[in-house]
N, C-alpha and C. Protein backbone atom coordinates (compact mmCIF):
# COMPACT_ATOMS: atom_id res chain seq x y z
N MET A 1 10.18 60.94 -41.66
CA MET A 1 8.67 59.87 -41.25
C MET A 1 8.42 58.42 -42.11
N GLU A 2 8.46 58.00 -43.02
CA GLU A 2 8.59 57.79 -44.07
C GLU A 2 9.18 56.87 -44.00
N ALA A 3 10.36 56.93 -44.10
CA ALA A 3 11.67 55.80 -43.60
C ALA A 3 11.51 55.01 -42.21
N GLU A 4 11.08 55.61 -41.45
CA GLU A 4 11.04 55.27 -40.30
C GLU A 4 9.29 54.60 -40.00
N ARG A 5 8.18 54.83 -40.70
CA ARG A 5 7.59 53.79 -40.51
C ARG A 5 7.13 52.35 -41.36
N GLU A 6 8.15 53.04 -42.20
CA GLU A 6 8.96 51.49 -43.20
C GLU A 6 9.52 50.97 -42.47
N LEU A 7 10.74 51.41 -41.90
CA LEU A 7 11.25 50.32 -40.67
C LEU A 7 10.88 49.76 -39.31
N LEU A 8 10.02 50.11 -39.47
CA LEU A 8 9.18 50.32 -38.05
C LEU A 8 8.27 48.90 -38.27
N PHE A 9 7.63 49.18 -39.73
CA PHE A 9 6.88 47.74 -40.38
C PHE A 9 7.47 46.56 -40.92
N LYS A 10 8.22 46.77 -40.98
CA LYS A 10 9.41 45.91 -41.52
C LYS A 10 9.70 45.57 -40.74
N HIS A 11 9.45 46.53 -39.43
CA HIS A 11 9.95 45.41 -37.84
C HIS A 11 9.12 44.84 -37.24
N GLN A 12 8.57 45.20 -37.41
CA GLN A 12 6.37 44.15 -36.87
C GLN A 12 7.19 43.11 -37.96
N MET A 13 6.54 43.10 -38.74
CA MET A 13 6.50 42.14 -40.19
C MET A 13 7.44 41.06 -40.00
N SER A 14 8.28 41.48 -38.93
CA SER A 14 9.86 40.35 -38.86
C SER A 14 9.75 39.79 -37.77
N LYS A 15 9.22 40.52 -36.86
CA LYS A 15 8.19 40.00 -36.05
C LYS A 15 7.76 39.11 -35.72
N LYS A 16 6.71 39.45 -36.45
CA LYS A 16 5.04 38.77 -36.96
C LYS A 16 5.78 37.17 -37.05
N SER A 17 6.98 37.45 -38.71
CA SER A 17 6.75 36.20 -39.15
C SER A 17 7.93 34.76 -38.92
N SER A 18 8.38 35.89 -37.32
CA SER A 18 9.53 34.88 -36.98
C SER A 18 8.34 33.59 -35.59
N PHE A 19 7.18 34.63 -36.02
CA PHE A 19 6.22 34.76 -34.88
C PHE A 19 5.69 33.22 -35.21
N ARG A 20 5.60 33.16 -36.22
CA ARG A 20 4.50 32.52 -37.40
C ARG A 20 5.56 31.29 -37.42
N LEU A 21 6.97 31.21 -38.14
CA LEU A 21 7.78 29.95 -37.79
C LEU A 21 7.75 29.32 -36.45
N LYS A 22 7.81 30.10 -35.54
CA LYS A 22 7.77 29.31 -34.00
C LYS A 22 6.37 28.23 -33.67
N ILE A 23 5.50 28.72 -34.35
CA ILE A 23 3.98 27.66 -34.09
C ILE A 23 4.74 25.87 -34.55
N LYS A 24 4.60 24.97 -33.96
CA LYS A 24 4.43 23.70 -33.66
C LYS A 24 3.61 22.65 -34.97
N LYS A 25 3.94 21.83 -35.93
CA LYS A 25 2.36 21.45 -36.19
C LYS A 25 2.51 20.41 -35.60
N LEU A 26 1.41 19.34 -35.67
CA LEU A 26 0.86 18.48 -35.11
C LEU A 26 1.60 17.65 -35.50
N GLU A 27 2.22 17.10 -34.23
CA GLU A 27 2.85 15.51 -34.77
C GLU A 27 1.76 14.58 -34.40
N PRO A 28 2.01 13.60 -35.09
CA PRO A 28 1.65 12.05 -34.92
C PRO A 28 1.01 11.28 -33.50
N VAL A 29 0.69 11.00 -33.64
CA VAL A 29 0.04 10.66 -32.32
C VAL A 29 0.84 9.66 -32.27
N ARG A 30 1.58 8.32 -32.51
CA ARG A 30 2.78 7.33 -32.36
C ARG A 30 3.88 8.37 -31.14
N ASP A 31 4.53 9.31 -31.51
CA ASP A 31 4.91 10.34 -30.49
C ASP A 31 4.79 10.52 -29.76
N ARG A 32 3.20 10.36 -29.38
CA ARG A 32 3.06 10.95 -27.36
C ARG A 32 3.23 9.35 -26.88
N TYR A 33 3.28 8.33 -27.10
CA TYR A 33 4.00 7.04 -26.20
C TYR A 33 5.24 7.28 -25.63
N MET A 34 5.69 6.89 -25.09
CA MET A 34 6.89 7.05 -24.88
C MET A 34 7.15 5.01 -24.71
N PHE A 35 8.31 3.97 -25.33
CA PHE A 35 7.94 2.88 -25.04
C PHE A 35 9.44 2.90 -24.05
N THR A 36 9.09 1.60 -23.72
CA THR A 36 10.34 1.78 -22.34
C THR A 36 10.47 0.12 -22.10
N ASP A 37 11.89 0.36 -22.01
CA ASP A 37 12.53 -1.17 -22.09
C ASP A 37 12.38 -1.82 -20.53
N ASN A 38 12.18 -1.27 -19.75
CA ASN A 38 11.26 -1.69 -18.60
C ASN A 38 10.67 -3.48 -18.61
N ARG A 39 11.03 -3.79 -17.66
CA ARG A 39 10.33 -5.10 -17.13
C ARG A 39 9.28 -5.40 -15.71
N HIS A 40 8.98 -6.23 -16.26
CA HIS A 40 7.95 -6.40 -14.37
C HIS A 40 8.99 -7.59 -13.79
N PRO A 41 9.98 -7.50 -13.23
CA PRO A 41 10.50 -8.24 -12.54
C PRO A 41 9.60 -9.60 -11.84
N GLU A 42 10.43 -11.33 -11.82
CA GLU A 42 9.97 -11.90 -11.64
C GLU A 42 9.81 -12.35 -10.43
N LYS A 43 11.15 -11.90 -10.20
CA LYS A 43 11.32 -11.95 -8.11
C LYS A 43 10.18 -11.56 -7.39
N GLY A 44 9.77 -9.91 -8.20
CA GLY A 44 8.76 -9.09 -7.63
C GLY A 44 7.91 -9.84 -7.97
N ILE A 45 6.85 -10.27 -8.52
CA ILE A 45 5.81 -11.23 -9.22
C ILE A 45 5.69 -12.20 -8.40
N MET A 46 6.63 -13.30 -7.29
CA MET A 46 7.27 -14.07 -6.80
C MET A 46 6.61 -13.79 -5.69
N SER A 47 7.30 -12.32 -4.86
CA SER A 47 7.55 -12.48 -3.88
C SER A 47 5.72 -11.80 -3.22
N THR A 48 4.80 -11.08 -5.08
CA THR A 48 3.27 -11.02 -4.59
C THR A 48 2.44 -11.94 -4.31
N VAL A 49 3.12 -12.65 -5.10
CA VAL A 49 2.38 -14.12 -4.66
C VAL A 49 2.11 -14.11 -3.33
N LEU A 50 3.98 -14.98 -3.31
CA LEU A 50 3.99 -15.15 -1.88
C LEU A 50 2.76 -14.29 -0.34
N GLY A 51 3.24 -13.16 -0.68
CA GLY A 51 2.94 -12.26 -0.02
C GLY A 51 1.70 -11.90 0.29
N VAL A 52 0.38 -12.07 -0.76
CA VAL A 52 -1.20 -12.88 -0.37
C VAL A 52 -1.33 -13.97 0.23
N LEU A 53 -0.59 -14.74 -0.72
CA LEU A 53 -0.85 -16.52 0.12
C LEU A 53 -0.01 -16.34 1.78
N SER A 54 0.46 -15.81 3.10
CA SER A 54 1.01 -15.79 3.65
C SER A 54 -0.20 -15.10 4.48
N VAL A 55 -0.08 -13.32 3.95
CA VAL A 55 -1.08 -13.02 4.40
C VAL A 55 -2.58 -13.12 4.95
N THR A 56 -3.11 -14.54 3.40
CA THR A 56 -4.88 -14.87 3.40
C THR A 56 -4.56 -16.32 4.67
N ALA A 57 -3.34 -16.86 3.95
CA ALA A 57 -3.35 -18.38 5.77
C ALA A 57 -3.51 -17.55 6.11
N LEU A 58 -2.22 -16.70 7.02
CA LEU A 58 -2.51 -16.09 8.73
C LEU A 58 -3.73 -15.91 8.30
N SER A 59 -4.47 -14.56 8.05
CA SER A 59 -5.89 -14.48 8.38
C SER A 59 -6.82 -15.52 8.34
N LEU A 60 -7.33 -16.66 7.20
CA LEU A 60 -7.34 -17.79 8.01
C LEU A 60 -7.84 -18.84 8.96
N SER A 61 -6.56 -18.64 9.30
CA SER A 61 -5.84 -19.61 10.37
C SER A 61 -6.46 -18.68 11.79
N VAL A 62 -6.57 -17.09 12.00
CA VAL A 62 -6.30 -16.69 13.08
C VAL A 62 -8.02 -16.73 12.92
N TYR A 63 -8.71 -16.69 12.64
CA TYR A 63 -10.48 -16.89 11.63
C TYR A 63 -10.70 -17.33 12.62
N PHE A 64 -9.93 -18.97 11.84
CA PHE A 64 -10.70 -20.49 12.00
C PHE A 64 -11.15 -20.70 13.82
N SER A 65 -9.46 -20.16 13.95
CA SER A 65 -8.91 -20.37 15.88
C SER A 65 -10.18 -19.51 16.51
N TYR A 66 -10.38 -18.78 15.76
CA TYR A 66 -12.02 -17.96 16.53
C TYR A 66 -12.72 -18.78 16.72
N VAL A 67 -12.98 -19.18 15.44
CA VAL A 67 -14.58 -19.20 15.67
C VAL A 67 -14.09 -20.78 16.28
N ASN A 68 -13.37 -21.57 16.54
CA ASN A 68 -13.75 -22.96 17.07
C ASN A 68 -13.28 -22.51 18.48
N GLY A 69 -12.87 -20.77 19.71
CA GLY A 69 -13.37 -20.48 20.69
C GLY A 69 -12.03 -21.09 21.09
N GLY A 70 -10.60 -19.98 20.43
CA GLY A 70 -10.16 -19.63 20.51
C GLY A 70 -8.55 -20.88 20.90
N GLN A 71 -9.18 -21.91 20.10
CA GLN A 71 -8.25 -22.97 20.09
C GLN A 71 -8.10 -23.61 19.31
N ALA A 72 -6.07 -23.50 18.88
CA ALA A 72 -5.80 -23.75 17.72
C ALA A 72 -5.04 -25.25 17.13
N ILE A 73 -6.42 -24.99 16.79
CA ILE A 73 -6.04 -27.32 15.74
C ILE A 73 -4.48 -26.42 15.29
N MET A 74 -4.07 -28.20 14.89
CA MET A 74 -2.33 -28.44 14.38
C MET A 74 -2.55 -27.57 13.74
N ARG A 75 -3.56 -27.92 12.48
CA ARG A 75 -3.58 -27.93 11.21
C ARG A 75 -3.57 -26.20 11.06
N TYR A 76 -4.03 -25.45 11.65
CA TYR A 76 -3.72 -23.64 11.45
C TYR A 76 -2.76 -23.65 12.22
N ALA A 77 -1.83 -23.92 13.10
CA ALA A 77 -1.03 -23.71 13.69
C ALA A 77 0.01 -23.83 12.25
N ALA A 78 0.74 -25.12 11.16
CA ALA A 78 1.02 -25.39 10.39
C ALA A 78 0.96 -24.36 9.27
N ALA A 79 -0.53 -23.99 8.59
CA ALA A 79 0.05 -23.09 8.04
C ALA A 79 0.07 -22.38 8.49
N ALA A 80 -0.07 -21.53 10.26
CA ALA A 80 0.61 -20.08 10.72
C ALA A 80 2.21 -20.08 10.12
N PHE A 81 2.18 -21.23 10.60
CA PHE A 81 4.27 -21.22 10.31
C PHE A 81 5.15 -21.26 8.73
N VAL A 82 4.16 -22.20 7.24
CA VAL A 82 3.82 -22.57 6.44
C VAL A 82 3.73 -20.50 6.36
N ALA A 83 3.13 -20.29 6.44
CA ALA A 83 2.70 -18.90 6.25
C ALA A 83 4.19 -17.62 6.74
N ALA A 84 4.30 -17.34 7.48
CA ALA A 84 6.03 -17.12 7.98
C ALA A 84 7.06 -17.77 7.49
N ILE A 85 7.08 -19.35 7.18
CA ILE A 85 8.33 -18.82 6.19
C ILE A 85 8.15 -17.79 4.78
N PHE A 86 7.36 -18.60 4.36
CA PHE A 86 6.43 -17.81 2.98
C PHE A 86 6.66 -15.89 3.22
N SER A 87 6.75 -15.51 3.95
CA SER A 87 6.85 -14.41 4.30
C SER A 87 8.41 -14.22 4.08
N CYS A 88 9.01 -14.44 4.80
CA CYS A 88 10.30 -14.14 5.02
C CYS A 88 10.73 -14.50 3.98
N ILE A 89 10.72 -15.72 2.46
CA ILE A 89 11.04 -15.51 1.86
C ILE A 89 10.20 -14.62 0.53
N GLY A 90 9.21 -14.46 0.85
CA GLY A 90 8.74 -12.95 0.18
C GLY A 90 9.43 -11.99 0.47
N LEU A 91 10.14 -11.60 1.62
CA LEU A 91 10.61 -10.34 1.96
C LEU A 91 11.68 -10.35 1.27
N VAL A 92 12.51 -11.19 1.79
CA VAL A 92 13.96 -11.42 0.25
C VAL A 92 14.20 -10.73 -1.03
N LEU A 93 12.80 -12.36 -1.72
CA LEU A 93 12.90 -11.85 -2.96
C LEU A 93 13.19 -10.29 -3.07
N GLY A 94 11.52 -9.74 -2.88
CA GLY A 94 11.10 -8.11 -3.01
C GLY A 94 11.56 -7.45 -2.38
N ILE A 95 13.01 -7.56 -1.45
CA ILE A 95 14.05 -6.54 -1.94
C ILE A 95 15.04 -7.37 -2.83
N ARG A 96 15.56 -7.92 -3.02
CA ARG A 96 16.28 -8.18 -3.87
C ARG A 96 16.31 -7.97 -5.75
N SER A 97 14.52 -8.56 -5.48
CA SER A 97 14.11 -7.53 -6.46
C SER A 97 14.06 -6.32 -6.82
N ARG A 98 13.84 -5.14 -5.88
CA ARG A 98 14.25 -3.89 -5.91
C ARG A 98 15.23 -3.28 -6.25
N PHE A 99 16.48 -4.07 -6.41
CA PHE A 99 17.66 -3.46 -6.44
C PHE A 99 18.17 -3.51 -7.91
N GLU A 100 17.49 -4.38 -8.90
CA GLU A 100 17.44 -4.76 -10.33
C GLU A 100 17.08 -3.04 -11.05
N LYS A 101 17.56 -3.73 -12.40
CA LYS A 101 17.49 -2.42 -13.05
C LYS A 101 17.12 -1.73 -14.07
N ASP A 102 16.25 -0.86 -15.07
CA ASP A 102 15.14 -1.11 -15.20
C ASP A 102 14.31 -1.96 -14.97
N ILE A 103 13.53 -1.76 -14.35
CA ILE A 103 12.18 -2.73 -13.79
C ILE A 103 11.14 -1.66 -13.06
N PHE A 104 9.81 -2.33 -13.63
CA PHE A 104 8.65 -1.25 -12.97
C PHE A 104 8.82 -1.32 -11.19
N LYS A 105 8.60 -0.91 -11.06
CA LYS A 105 9.02 -1.32 -9.19
C LYS A 105 7.47 -1.21 -8.33
N LEU A 106 6.13 -1.69 -8.60
CA LEU A 106 4.61 -2.14 -8.91
C LEU A 106 5.03 -3.46 -7.93
N PHE A 107 5.09 -4.33 -8.55
CA PHE A 107 5.44 -5.96 -7.83
C PHE A 107 6.34 -5.59 -6.69
N PRO A 108 7.10 -5.36 -6.68
CA PRO A 108 8.73 -5.59 -5.30
C PRO A 108 8.20 -4.97 -4.71
N ASN A 109 8.03 -3.09 -4.26
CA ASN A 109 7.06 -2.27 -3.51
C ASN A 109 5.48 -3.40 -2.79
N LEU A 110 4.87 -4.01 -3.38
CA LEU A 110 3.49 -4.21 -3.18
C LEU A 110 4.29 -5.97 -2.95
N GLY A 111 5.35 -6.45 -2.81
CA GLY A 111 5.65 -7.67 -2.27
C GLY A 111 6.09 -7.41 -1.73
N ILE A 112 6.30 -6.73 -0.98
CA ILE A 112 7.44 -6.09 0.39
C ILE A 112 6.35 -6.24 0.84
N ALA A 113 5.41 -4.85 1.65
CA ALA A 113 5.22 -4.48 1.77
C ALA A 113 3.39 -5.98 2.53
N LEU A 114 3.03 -6.41 1.85
CA LEU A 114 2.15 -7.59 1.75
C LEU A 114 2.90 -8.62 2.86
N ASN A 115 4.77 -8.76 2.21
CA ASN A 115 5.67 -9.87 3.31
C ASN A 115 5.43 -8.97 4.74
N LEU A 116 6.17 -7.81 4.39
CA LEU A 116 6.49 -6.41 5.05
C LEU A 116 5.34 -7.01 7.06
N ILE A 117 3.96 -6.90 5.99
CA ILE A 117 2.94 -7.13 6.98
C ILE A 117 2.56 -8.12 7.17
N ALA A 118 2.43 -9.68 6.83
CA ALA A 118 2.62 -10.70 7.21
C ALA A 118 3.41 -11.03 8.44
N PHE A 119 4.54 -10.85 8.00
CA PHE A 119 6.14 -10.49 8.77
C PHE A 119 5.41 -10.11 10.50
N LEU A 120 4.98 -8.94 10.43
CA LEU A 120 4.68 -8.62 11.67
C LEU A 120 3.34 -8.70 12.30
N PHE A 121 2.28 -9.46 11.59
CA PHE A 121 1.09 -10.12 12.37
C PHE A 121 1.96 -11.48 13.17
N VAL A 122 3.00 -12.00 12.54
CA VAL A 122 3.54 -13.79 13.21
C VAL A 122 3.91 -12.70 14.57
N VAL A 123 4.79 -12.46 14.58
CA VAL A 123 5.18 -11.10 14.77
C VAL A 123 4.64 -10.93 16.45
N PHE A 124 3.69 -10.47 16.44
CA PHE A 124 2.65 -9.98 15.99
C PHE A 124 2.24 -10.89 17.43
N ILE A 125 1.21 -12.05 16.85
CA ILE A 125 1.00 -13.63 17.26
C ILE A 125 2.18 -13.78 18.46
N LEU A 126 3.28 -14.23 17.95
CA LEU A 126 3.91 -14.82 19.01
C LEU A 126 3.54 -14.02 19.97
N VAL A 127 3.84 -12.31 20.70
CA VAL A 127 4.03 -12.24 21.90
C VAL A 127 3.30 -11.86 22.07
N LEU A 128 1.50 -12.21 21.40
CA LEU A 128 0.41 -12.31 22.42
C LEU A 128 0.71 -13.77 22.44
N GLY A 129 1.51 -14.58 21.90
CA GLY A 129 1.00 -16.00 22.62
C GLY A 129 1.81 -15.99 24.10
N LEU A 130 2.79 -15.10 24.50
CA LEU A 130 3.96 -15.60 25.66
C LEU A 130 3.42 -14.25 26.36
N GLY A 131 2.06 -13.49 26.11
CA GLY A 131 1.79 -13.22 27.31
C GLY A 131 0.33 -13.89 28.06
């Protein structure tokens, strides 16, 4: 009976010691950060800038036309035309930068969204003008 108790005690001790060996030591703080080679693509940043310019120019041209009683001056039409061109270029740049490898996708996605909004806004204005 005592032999069985000793075996049981040794078995329990071996479980405890194996449990103690599995405890992780505290790792240094620098191991918590994951460094990466990803970068923000220049085309994506340019796409976002063109998208912001396009949306701003279109919004201001529509607002100033509204303030002017619905009469669009040639300046506002030229600004909207340039914004449409910027929107198309920005959309192409955003899509091309989205296919690059090892990048952060914030600026390409933001550029695509802004330029798509501006492009659809131009199409909406043209459809309203035809009707």
